[in-house]
Amino acid sequence: MKKRTLATIGILVIFILVILSFSGCARTGTKIAEKAIEKAAGGNVDLDLDKNGVTVKDEEGGQTQIGENAKLPDGWPSELAVYPDVKLSMSTKTRNGDTNKNEFSILGEFTNSSIKDVYKWYKNKYSSGWEVTTDQYTESNDGDVAYLNFKGDKYDVVVMIGKSGDTASMTMTVVEQ
């Protein structure tokens, strides 16, 4: 599934969740949402809505989770460490149509650590056996921002860490080589 399709699906899911939150017809709404996503994706999907989020899975093994119950996507490489204080709000797994390799992405917030702490943690975890292709840390009165890119034998990993208002968050993208 292409990234543009996943973005369309994500927007559809959020829109449908808003509609369903005002509707008492969850079962009917779920079927309508599933059909809309299948049409956008061009294939069959399984949609699982609950009060804390949504999970969409497609025929090719792609998966998107949005909400409080988001977890690492199926097949997340066990050798890739994720900051322990992060609470995920979204995760995805797709298969690149050109390379047929997996691509993963997670988004989450952390509350008990500073941006600098998270930045240093990732630098330490990925210091051995990884080439650091980008290492940027910017301090600002508006909030610090960090960007790291690690390249290994099997994976290319990008970590972005920042703060918006009172919310400190990170995204991590993994591309199988």
N, C-alpha and C. Protein backbone atom coordinates (compact mmCIF):
# COMPACT_ATOMS: atom_id res chain seq x y z
N MET A 1 0.85 -1.16 0.00
CA MET A 1 0.00 0.00 0.00
C MET A 1 0.90 1.23 0.00
N LYS A 2 0.61 2.20 -0.80
CA LYS A 2 1.46 3.37 -0.91
C LYS A 2 1.19 4.33 0.24
N LYS A 3 2.18 5.20 0.51
CA LYS A 3 2.07 6.15 1.62
C LYS A 3 0.89 7.08 1.44
N ARG A 4 0.60 7.49 0.22
CA ARG A 4 -0.53 8.38 -0.04
C ARG A 4 -1.83 7.67 0.34
N THR A 5 -1.94 6.39 0.03
CA THR A 5 -3.12 5.62 0.39
C THR A 5 -3.25 5.53 1.90
N LEU A 6 -2.13 5.30 2.61
CA LEU A 6 -2.18 5.24 4.07
C LEU A 6 -2.62 6.57 4.66
N ALA A 7 -2.15 7.67 4.10
CA ALA A 7 -2.56 8.99 4.59
C ALA A 7 -4.06 9.17 4.38
N THR A 8 -4.55 8.76 3.22
CA THR A 8 -5.99 8.84 2.95
C THR A 8 -6.77 7.99 3.94
N ILE A 9 -6.28 6.80 4.20
CA ILE A 9 -6.94 5.91 5.15
C ILE A 9 -6.93 6.53 6.54
N GLY A 10 -5.80 7.09 6.94
CA GLY A 10 -5.72 7.73 8.25
C GLY A 10 -6.73 8.85 8.40
N ILE A 11 -6.86 9.68 7.38
CA ILE A 11 -7.84 10.77 7.42
C ILE A 11 -9.25 10.21 7.47
N LEU A 12 -9.52 9.20 6.66
CA LEU A 12 -10.85 8.57 6.69
C LEU A 12 -11.16 7.99 8.07
N VAL A 13 -10.20 7.32 8.67
CA VAL A 13 -10.41 6.72 9.99
C VAL A 13 -10.73 7.79 11.03
N ILE A 14 -9.97 8.87 11.03
CA ILE A 14 -10.22 9.95 11.99
C ILE A 14 -11.60 10.55 11.76
N PHE A 15 -11.95 10.80 10.51
CA PHE A 15 -13.27 11.34 10.19
C PHE A 15 -14.38 10.40 10.65
N ILE A 16 -14.19 9.14 10.39
CA ILE A 16 -15.20 8.15 10.77
C ILE A 16 -15.30 8.03 12.29
N LEU A 17 -14.17 8.09 12.98
CA LEU A 17 -14.21 8.05 14.45
C LEU A 17 -15.00 9.22 15.01
N VAL A 18 -14.83 10.40 14.43
CA VAL A 18 -15.58 11.57 14.89
C VAL A 18 -17.07 11.34 14.67
N ILE A 19 -17.43 10.85 13.50
CA ILE A 19 -18.85 10.58 13.21
C ILE A 19 -19.40 9.54 14.18
N LEU A 20 -18.64 8.47 14.39
CA LEU A 20 -19.12 7.41 15.27
C LEU A 20 -19.24 7.86 16.73
N SER A 21 -18.44 8.83 17.12
CA SER A 21 -18.52 9.29 18.50
C SER A 21 -19.84 10.00 18.77
N PHE A 22 -20.49 10.46 17.72
CA PHE A 22 -21.79 11.11 17.87
C PHE A 22 -22.95 10.18 17.49
N SER A 23 -22.63 8.94 17.22
CA SER A 23 -23.64 8.00 16.75
C SER A 23 -23.78 6.83 17.71
N GLY A 24 -25.00 6.35 17.85
CA GLY A 24 -25.24 5.17 18.66
C GLY A 24 -25.18 3.89 17.85
N CYS A 25 -24.92 4.00 16.57
CA CYS A 25 -24.94 2.85 15.67
C CYS A 25 -23.52 2.41 15.35
N ALA A 26 -22.81 1.95 16.35
CA ALA A 26 -21.40 1.62 16.17
C ALA A 26 -21.20 0.49 15.17
N ARG A 27 -22.02 -0.58 15.25
CA ARG A 27 -21.84 -1.73 14.35
C ARG A 27 -22.07 -1.32 12.90
N THR A 28 -23.12 -0.58 12.63
CA THR A 28 -23.40 -0.12 11.28
C THR A 28 -22.30 0.84 10.83
N GLY A 29 -21.89 1.73 11.73
CA GLY A 29 -20.83 2.69 11.42
C GLY A 29 -19.53 2.00 11.09
N THR A 30 -19.22 0.93 11.81
CA THR A 30 -17.99 0.18 11.55
C THR A 30 -18.01 -0.41 10.15
N LYS A 31 -19.13 -0.99 9.74
CA LYS A 31 -19.24 -1.58 8.40
C LYS A 31 -19.11 -0.50 7.32
N ILE A 32 -19.75 0.65 7.55
CA ILE A 32 -19.65 1.76 6.59
C ILE A 32 -18.20 2.22 6.49
N ALA A 33 -17.54 2.36 7.66
CA ALA A 33 -16.15 2.80 7.68
C ALA A 33 -15.26 1.79 6.96
N GLU A 34 -15.48 0.52 7.22
CA GLU A 34 -14.68 -0.53 6.59
C GLU A 34 -14.81 -0.47 5.07
N LYS A 35 -16.02 -0.31 4.58
CA LYS A 35 -16.24 -0.22 3.13
C LYS A 35 -15.57 1.01 2.53
N ALA A 36 -15.64 2.15 3.25
CA ALA A 36 -15.00 3.38 2.76
C ALA A 36 -13.48 3.21 2.69
N ILE A 37 -12.91 2.59 3.69
CA ILE A 37 -11.46 2.38 3.71
C ILE A 37 -11.06 1.38 2.64
N GLU A 38 -11.84 0.32 2.46
CA GLU A 38 -11.55 -0.65 1.40
C GLU A 38 -11.56 0.01 0.04
N LYS A 39 -12.51 0.92 -0.18
CA LYS A 39 -12.57 1.62 -1.46
C LYS A 39 -11.33 2.49 -1.64
N ALA A 40 -10.91 3.20 -0.60
CA ALA A 40 -9.72 4.06 -0.67
C ALA A 40 -8.46 3.23 -0.86
N ALA A 41 -8.40 2.08 -0.20
CA ALA A 41 -7.20 1.23 -0.24
C ALA A 41 -7.16 0.35 -1.47
N GLY A 42 -8.29 0.13 -2.09
CA GLY A 42 -8.33 -0.72 -3.26
C GLY A 42 -8.23 -2.19 -2.93
N GLY A 43 -8.66 -2.60 -1.74
CA GLY A 43 -8.60 -3.99 -1.34
C GLY A 43 -9.32 -4.19 -0.03
N ASN A 44 -9.36 -5.44 0.43
CA ASN A 44 -10.04 -5.76 1.67
C ASN A 44 -9.23 -5.30 2.88
N VAL A 45 -9.95 -4.79 3.89
CA VAL A 45 -9.33 -4.43 5.16
C VAL A 45 -10.21 -4.93 6.29
N ASP A 46 -9.59 -5.13 7.43
CA ASP A 46 -10.32 -5.43 8.66
C ASP A 46 -10.23 -4.21 9.53
N LEU A 47 -11.36 -3.76 10.04
CA LEU A 47 -11.43 -2.57 10.86
C LEU A 47 -11.93 -2.95 12.24
N ASP A 48 -11.18 -2.56 13.25
CA ASP A 48 -11.55 -2.85 14.63
C ASP A 48 -11.64 -1.53 15.38
N LEU A 49 -12.86 -1.08 15.66
CA LEU A 49 -13.08 0.16 16.40
C LEU A 49 -13.40 -0.17 17.84
N ASP A 50 -12.79 0.55 18.74
CA ASP A 50 -13.20 0.47 20.14
C ASP A 50 -13.17 1.88 20.71
N LYS A 51 -13.56 2.03 21.96
CA LYS A 51 -13.69 3.37 22.52
C LYS A 51 -12.34 4.07 22.68
N ASN A 52 -11.25 3.33 22.61
CA ASN A 52 -9.93 3.92 22.79
C ASN A 52 -9.11 4.00 21.51
N GLY A 53 -9.71 3.70 20.36
CA GLY A 53 -8.96 3.82 19.12
C GLY A 53 -9.46 2.90 18.03
N VAL A 54 -8.64 2.76 17.02
CA VAL A 54 -9.00 1.97 15.85
C VAL A 54 -7.75 1.25 15.32
N THR A 55 -7.99 0.06 14.77
CA THR A 55 -6.93 -0.70 14.10
C THR A 55 -7.45 -1.09 12.72
N VAL A 56 -6.64 -0.83 11.71
CA VAL A 56 -6.98 -1.20 10.34
C VAL A 56 -5.87 -2.11 9.83
N LYS A 57 -6.26 -3.29 9.30
CA LYS A 57 -5.30 -4.22 8.70
C LYS A 57 -5.72 -4.51 7.28
N ASP A 58 -4.73 -4.58 6.38
CA ASP A 58 -5.05 -4.91 4.99
C ASP A 58 -4.55 -6.29 4.62
N GLU A 59 -4.83 -6.71 3.39
CA GLU A 59 -4.49 -8.05 2.92
C GLU A 59 -2.99 -8.29 2.81
N GLU A 60 -2.22 -7.23 2.61
CA GLU A 60 -0.78 -7.38 2.42
C GLU A 60 -0.01 -7.36 3.74
N GLY A 61 -0.70 -7.34 4.86
CA GLY A 61 -0.03 -7.30 6.15
C GLY A 61 0.17 -5.90 6.69
N GLY A 62 -0.31 -4.90 5.97
CA GLY A 62 -0.23 -3.52 6.44
C GLY A 62 -1.14 -3.33 7.64
N GLN A 63 -0.76 -2.41 8.49
CA GLN A 63 -1.51 -2.21 9.72
C GLN A 63 -1.37 -0.76 10.17
N THR A 64 -2.45 -0.16 10.61
CA THR A 64 -2.43 1.16 11.21
C THR A 64 -3.23 1.10 12.49
N GLN A 65 -2.65 1.61 13.57
CA GLN A 65 -3.34 1.71 14.86
C GLN A 65 -3.32 3.17 15.27
N ILE A 66 -4.48 3.68 15.70
CA ILE A 66 -4.58 5.05 16.17
C ILE A 66 -5.36 5.02 17.47
N GLY A 67 -4.84 5.67 18.50
CA GLY A 67 -5.56 5.78 19.76
C GLY A 67 -4.76 5.32 20.96
N GLU A 68 -5.42 5.31 22.09
CA GLU A 68 -4.77 4.98 23.37
C GLU A 68 -4.22 3.56 23.43
N ASN A 69 -4.77 2.65 22.66
CA ASN A 69 -4.34 1.25 22.69
C ASN A 69 -3.26 0.93 21.66
N ALA A 70 -2.71 1.94 20.99
CA ALA A 70 -1.70 1.69 19.96
C ALA A 70 -0.49 0.99 20.57
N LYS A 71 0.01 0.00 19.84
CA LYS A 71 1.19 -0.77 20.24
C LYS A 71 2.15 -0.80 19.06
N LEU A 72 3.34 -1.32 19.30
CA LEU A 72 4.25 -1.50 18.18
C LEU A 72 3.56 -2.37 17.14
N PRO A 73 3.73 -2.05 15.87
CA PRO A 73 3.06 -2.84 14.83
C PRO A 73 3.60 -4.27 14.76
N ASP A 74 2.76 -5.17 14.28
CA ASP A 74 3.17 -6.56 14.08
C ASP A 74 4.45 -6.60 13.25
N GLY A 75 5.40 -7.41 13.68
CA GLY A 75 6.64 -7.55 12.93
C GLY A 75 7.70 -6.51 13.24
N TRP A 76 7.44 -5.61 14.22
CA TRP A 76 8.45 -4.61 14.58
C TRP A 76 9.74 -5.35 14.92
N PRO A 77 10.86 -4.96 14.32
CA PRO A 77 12.12 -5.67 14.57
C PRO A 77 12.53 -5.60 16.05
N SER A 78 12.73 -6.74 16.66
CA SER A 78 13.05 -6.80 18.09
C SER A 78 14.37 -6.13 18.43
N GLU A 79 15.28 -6.03 17.46
CA GLU A 79 16.57 -5.40 17.73
C GLU A 79 16.51 -3.88 17.73
N LEU A 80 15.35 -3.31 17.42
CA LEU A 80 15.21 -1.86 17.38
C LEU A 80 14.55 -1.36 18.66
N ALA A 81 15.36 -0.71 19.49
CA ALA A 81 14.88 -0.22 20.79
C ALA A 81 14.01 1.02 20.62
N VAL A 82 12.98 1.10 21.47
CA VAL A 82 12.08 2.25 21.53
C VAL A 82 12.16 2.81 22.94
N TYR A 83 12.23 4.12 23.04
CA TYR A 83 12.35 4.77 24.34
C TYR A 83 11.28 4.24 25.29
N PRO A 84 11.66 3.80 26.50
CA PRO A 84 10.72 3.11 27.39
C PRO A 84 9.58 3.97 27.94
N ASP A 85 9.74 5.29 28.02
CA ASP A 85 8.71 6.15 28.60
C ASP A 85 7.68 6.62 27.57
N VAL A 86 7.81 6.20 26.32
CA VAL A 86 6.90 6.70 25.30
C VAL A 86 5.56 5.96 25.34
N LYS A 87 4.48 6.72 25.25
CA LYS A 87 3.12 6.15 25.16
C LYS A 87 2.66 6.37 23.73
N LEU A 88 2.52 5.28 23.00
CA LEU A 88 2.17 5.37 21.58
C LEU A 88 0.74 5.84 21.38
N SER A 89 0.55 6.67 20.36
CA SER A 89 -0.79 7.09 19.96
C SER A 89 -1.08 6.67 18.52
N MET A 90 -0.03 6.26 17.79
CA MET A 90 -0.22 5.79 16.42
C MET A 90 0.95 4.91 16.02
N SER A 91 0.66 3.88 15.25
CA SER A 91 1.71 3.04 14.68
C SER A 91 1.25 2.52 13.33
N THR A 92 2.21 2.32 12.44
CA THR A 92 1.88 1.79 11.12
C THR A 92 2.93 0.78 10.67
N LYS A 93 2.48 -0.12 9.83
CA LYS A 93 3.37 -1.04 9.12
C LYS A 93 2.85 -1.10 7.69
N THR A 94 3.75 -0.89 6.75
CA THR A 94 3.38 -0.99 5.34
C THR A 94 4.46 -1.78 4.62
N ARG A 95 4.16 -2.16 3.41
CA ARG A 95 5.15 -2.83 2.56
C ARG A 95 5.37 -1.91 1.36
N ASN A 96 6.63 -1.54 1.14
CA ASN A 96 6.98 -0.67 0.04
C ASN A 96 6.70 -1.39 -1.28
N GLY A 97 5.91 -0.77 -2.12
CA GLY A 97 5.52 -1.38 -3.39
C GLY A 97 6.67 -1.59 -4.35
N ASP A 98 7.70 -0.76 -4.27
CA ASP A 98 8.84 -0.87 -5.17
C ASP A 98 9.86 -1.91 -4.70
N THR A 99 10.14 -1.93 -3.38
CA THR A 99 11.18 -2.82 -2.85
C THR A 99 10.63 -4.08 -2.20
N ASN A 100 9.32 -4.09 -1.91
CA ASN A 100 8.66 -5.18 -1.21
C ASN A 100 9.24 -5.39 0.20
N LYS A 101 9.80 -4.32 0.79
CA LYS A 101 10.36 -4.36 2.14
C LYS A 101 9.40 -3.66 3.10
N ASN A 102 9.49 -4.03 4.37
CA ASN A 102 8.64 -3.43 5.40
C ASN A 102 9.09 -2.03 5.76
N GLU A 103 8.12 -1.20 6.09
CA GLU A 103 8.35 0.13 6.63
C GLU A 103 7.46 0.30 7.83
N PHE A 104 8.02 0.82 8.92
CA PHE A 104 7.29 1.00 10.17
C PHE A 104 7.37 2.45 10.60
N SER A 105 6.36 2.89 11.34
CA SER A 105 6.38 4.23 11.89
C SER A 105 5.58 4.24 13.19
N ILE A 106 6.10 4.95 14.19
CA ILE A 106 5.37 5.10 15.45
C ILE A 106 5.39 6.57 15.85
N LEU A 107 4.36 6.97 16.57
CA LEU A 107 4.23 8.32 17.11
C LEU A 107 3.79 8.18 18.55
N GLY A 108 4.45 8.90 19.45
CA GLY A 108 4.06 8.81 20.85
C GLY A 108 4.51 10.01 21.65
N GLU A 109 4.00 10.08 22.87
CA GLU A 109 4.33 11.15 23.80
C GLU A 109 5.11 10.58 24.97
N PHE A 110 5.90 11.42 25.60
CA PHE A 110 6.58 11.03 26.83
C PHE A 110 6.41 12.15 27.84
N THR A 111 6.31 11.79 29.10
CA THR A 111 5.99 12.77 30.13
C THR A 111 7.05 12.90 31.20
N ASN A 112 7.86 11.90 31.42
CA ASN A 112 8.81 11.91 32.54
C ASN A 112 10.24 12.20 32.11
N SER A 113 10.45 12.66 30.91
CA SER A 113 11.80 12.88 30.40
C SER A 113 11.85 14.16 29.60
N SER A 114 13.03 14.72 29.52
CA SER A 114 13.23 15.90 28.68
C SER A 114 13.56 15.45 27.26
N ILE A 115 13.48 16.37 26.33
CA ILE A 115 13.84 16.07 24.95
C ILE A 115 15.31 15.68 24.89
N LYS A 116 16.13 16.37 25.65
CA LYS A 116 17.57 16.05 25.67
C LYS A 116 17.81 14.64 26.21
N ASP A 117 17.04 14.23 27.25
CA ASP A 117 17.18 12.86 27.79
C ASP A 117 16.86 11.81 26.73
N VAL A 118 15.79 12.02 26.00
CA VAL A 118 15.37 11.06 24.97
C VAL A 118 16.41 11.03 23.84
N TYR A 119 16.86 12.21 23.43
CA TYR A 119 17.89 12.33 22.40
C TYR A 119 19.14 11.56 22.80
N LYS A 120 19.63 11.76 24.02
CA LYS A 120 20.83 11.06 24.50
C LYS A 120 20.60 9.55 24.59
N TRP A 121 19.40 9.14 24.99
CA TRP A 121 19.08 7.72 25.09
C TRP A 121 19.21 7.05 23.72
N TYR A 122 18.61 7.68 22.69
CA TYR A 122 18.69 7.11 21.34
C TYR A 122 20.13 7.10 20.83
N LYS A 123 20.87 8.16 21.07
CA LYS A 123 22.28 8.19 20.64
C LYS A 123 23.06 7.06 21.29
N ASN A 124 22.79 6.80 22.56
CA ASN A 124 23.48 5.72 23.26
C ASN A 124 23.06 4.35 22.74
N LYS A 125 21.76 4.13 22.57
CA LYS A 125 21.25 2.82 22.11
C LYS A 125 21.74 2.46 20.72
N TYR A 126 21.88 3.46 19.88
CA TYR A 126 22.26 3.21 18.48
C TYR A 126 23.71 3.63 18.21
N SER A 127 24.55 3.62 19.24
CA SER A 127 25.94 4.04 19.06
C SER A 127 26.82 2.94 18.50
N SER A 128 26.50 1.70 18.80
CA SER A 128 27.34 0.59 18.37
C SER A 128 26.70 -0.16 17.21
N GLY A 129 27.42 -0.26 16.10
CA GLY A 129 26.92 -1.03 14.96
C GLY A 129 26.04 -0.23 14.02
N TRP A 130 25.88 1.06 14.27
CA TRP A 130 25.05 1.91 13.42
C TRP A 130 25.87 3.09 12.92
N GLU A 131 25.66 3.46 11.67
CA GLU A 131 26.25 4.68 11.14
C GLU A 131 25.28 5.82 11.44
N VAL A 132 25.79 6.88 12.04
CA VAL A 132 24.96 8.06 12.32
C VAL A 132 25.06 8.96 11.09
N THR A 133 23.97 9.07 10.32
CA THR A 133 24.00 9.89 9.11
C THR A 133 23.51 11.30 9.37
N THR A 134 22.70 11.50 10.41
CA THR A 134 22.26 12.83 10.82
C THR A 134 22.16 12.86 12.33
N ASP A 135 22.71 13.91 12.92
CA ASP A 135 22.66 14.11 14.36
C ASP A 135 22.49 15.60 14.59
N GLN A 136 21.26 15.99 14.89
CA GLN A 136 20.98 17.41 15.06
C GLN A 136 20.17 17.63 16.32
N TYR A 137 20.66 18.53 17.16
CA TYR A 137 19.94 18.92 18.38
C TYR A 137 19.91 20.44 18.41
N THR A 138 18.71 21.02 18.49
CA THR A 138 18.56 22.47 18.48
C THR A 138 17.84 22.91 19.73
N GLU A 139 18.48 23.79 20.48
CA GLU A 139 17.85 24.36 21.67
C GLU A 139 17.16 25.66 21.27
N SER A 140 15.95 25.85 21.84
CA SER A 140 15.17 27.03 21.50
C SER A 140 14.28 27.42 22.68
N ASN A 141 13.97 28.68 22.77
CA ASN A 141 13.03 29.14 23.81
C ASN A 141 11.65 28.55 23.59
N ASP A 142 11.34 28.21 22.35
CA ASP A 142 10.04 27.63 22.02
C ASP A 142 10.00 26.13 22.28
N GLY A 143 11.15 25.53 22.56
CA GLY A 143 11.23 24.09 22.80
C GLY A 143 12.34 23.47 21.97
N ASP A 144 13.07 22.58 22.58
CA ASP A 144 14.17 21.90 21.88
C ASP A 144 13.62 20.93 20.84
N VAL A 145 14.44 20.67 19.83
CA VAL A 145 14.08 19.74 18.76
C VAL A 145 15.31 18.90 18.45
N ALA A 146 15.11 17.61 18.23
CA ALA A 146 16.22 16.72 17.88
C ALA A 146 15.82 15.87 16.67
N TYR A 147 16.82 15.56 15.85
CA TYR A 147 16.62 14.74 14.67
C TYR A 147 17.83 13.81 14.54
N LEU A 148 17.58 12.52 14.51
CA LEU A 148 18.64 11.53 14.39
C LEU A 148 18.31 10.57 13.26
N ASN A 149 19.35 10.17 12.51
CA ASN A 149 19.17 9.17 11.47
C ASN A 149 20.31 8.17 11.61
N PHE A 150 19.93 6.90 11.78
CA PHE A 150 20.90 5.82 11.93
C PHE A 150 20.73 4.85 10.77
N LYS A 151 21.85 4.40 10.23
CA LYS A 151 21.80 3.42 9.14
C LYS A 151 22.55 2.17 9.58
N GLY A 152 21.88 1.04 9.47
CA GLY A 152 22.50 -0.23 9.81
C GLY A 152 22.49 -1.16 8.61
N ASP A 153 22.90 -2.39 8.83
CA ASP A 153 22.92 -3.37 7.75
C ASP A 153 21.52 -3.72 7.26
N LYS A 154 20.56 -3.75 8.18
CA LYS A 154 19.21 -4.18 7.83
C LYS A 154 18.18 -3.05 7.80
N TYR A 155 18.45 -1.95 8.54
CA TYR A 155 17.42 -0.92 8.70
C TYR A 155 18.00 0.49 8.62
N ASP A 156 17.18 1.40 8.16
CA ASP A 156 17.44 2.83 8.22
C ASP A 156 16.43 3.37 9.23
N VAL A 157 16.91 4.06 10.29
CA VAL A 157 16.05 4.50 11.39
C VAL A 157 16.13 6.03 11.51
N VAL A 158 14.97 6.67 11.56
CA VAL A 158 14.89 8.11 11.77
C VAL A 158 14.10 8.36 13.03
N VAL A 159 14.65 9.20 13.92
CA VAL A 159 13.97 9.58 15.16
C VAL A 159 13.87 11.09 15.20
N MET A 160 12.66 11.61 15.39
CA MET A 160 12.43 13.04 15.55
C MET A 160 11.79 13.26 16.91
N ILE A 161 12.33 14.21 17.67
CA ILE A 161 11.87 14.46 19.03
C ILE A 161 11.61 15.96 19.16
N GLY A 162 10.48 16.33 19.74
CA GLY A 162 10.18 17.74 19.89
C GLY A 162 9.08 17.99 20.89
N LYS A 163 8.73 19.25 21.02
CA LYS A 163 7.71 19.64 21.98
C LYS A 163 6.81 20.67 21.34
N SER A 164 5.53 20.49 21.53
CA SER A 164 4.53 21.45 21.08
C SER A 164 3.65 21.78 22.27
N GLY A 165 3.71 23.00 22.75
CA GLY A 165 2.98 23.35 23.96
C GLY A 165 3.56 22.59 25.13
N ASP A 166 2.71 21.87 25.84
CA ASP A 166 3.16 21.08 26.98
C ASP A 166 3.43 19.63 26.62
N THR A 167 3.25 19.26 25.35
CA THR A 167 3.37 17.88 24.93
C THR A 167 4.72 17.60 24.27
N ALA A 168 5.49 16.70 24.87
CA ALA A 168 6.74 16.25 24.28
C ALA A 168 6.47 14.95 23.54
N SER A 169 6.91 14.87 22.30
CA SER A 169 6.59 13.68 21.51
C SER A 169 7.78 13.27 20.64
N MET A 170 7.67 12.07 20.12
CA MET A 170 8.68 11.55 19.21
C MET A 170 8.03 10.72 18.12
N THR A 171 8.67 10.72 16.98
CA THR A 171 8.28 9.80 15.91
C THR A 171 9.52 8.99 15.56
N MET A 172 9.28 7.77 15.19
CA MET A 172 10.38 6.89 14.79
C MET A 172 9.92 6.16 13.53
N THR A 173 10.73 6.26 12.50
CA THR A 173 10.43 5.62 11.23
C THR A 173 11.54 4.62 10.93
N VAL A 174 11.17 3.42 10.53
CA VAL A 174 12.10 2.35 10.25
C VAL A 174 11.83 1.84 8.83
N VAL A 175 12.88 1.81 8.02
CA VAL A 175 12.77 1.30 6.66
C VAL A 175 13.70 0.10 6.54
N GLU A 176 13.13 -1.04 6.17
CA GLU A 176 13.93 -2.25 5.97
C GLU A 176 14.74 -2.10 4.70
N GLN A 177 16.03 -2.45 4.77
CA GLN A 177 16.93 -2.32 3.61
C GLN A 177 16.91 -3.57 2.76
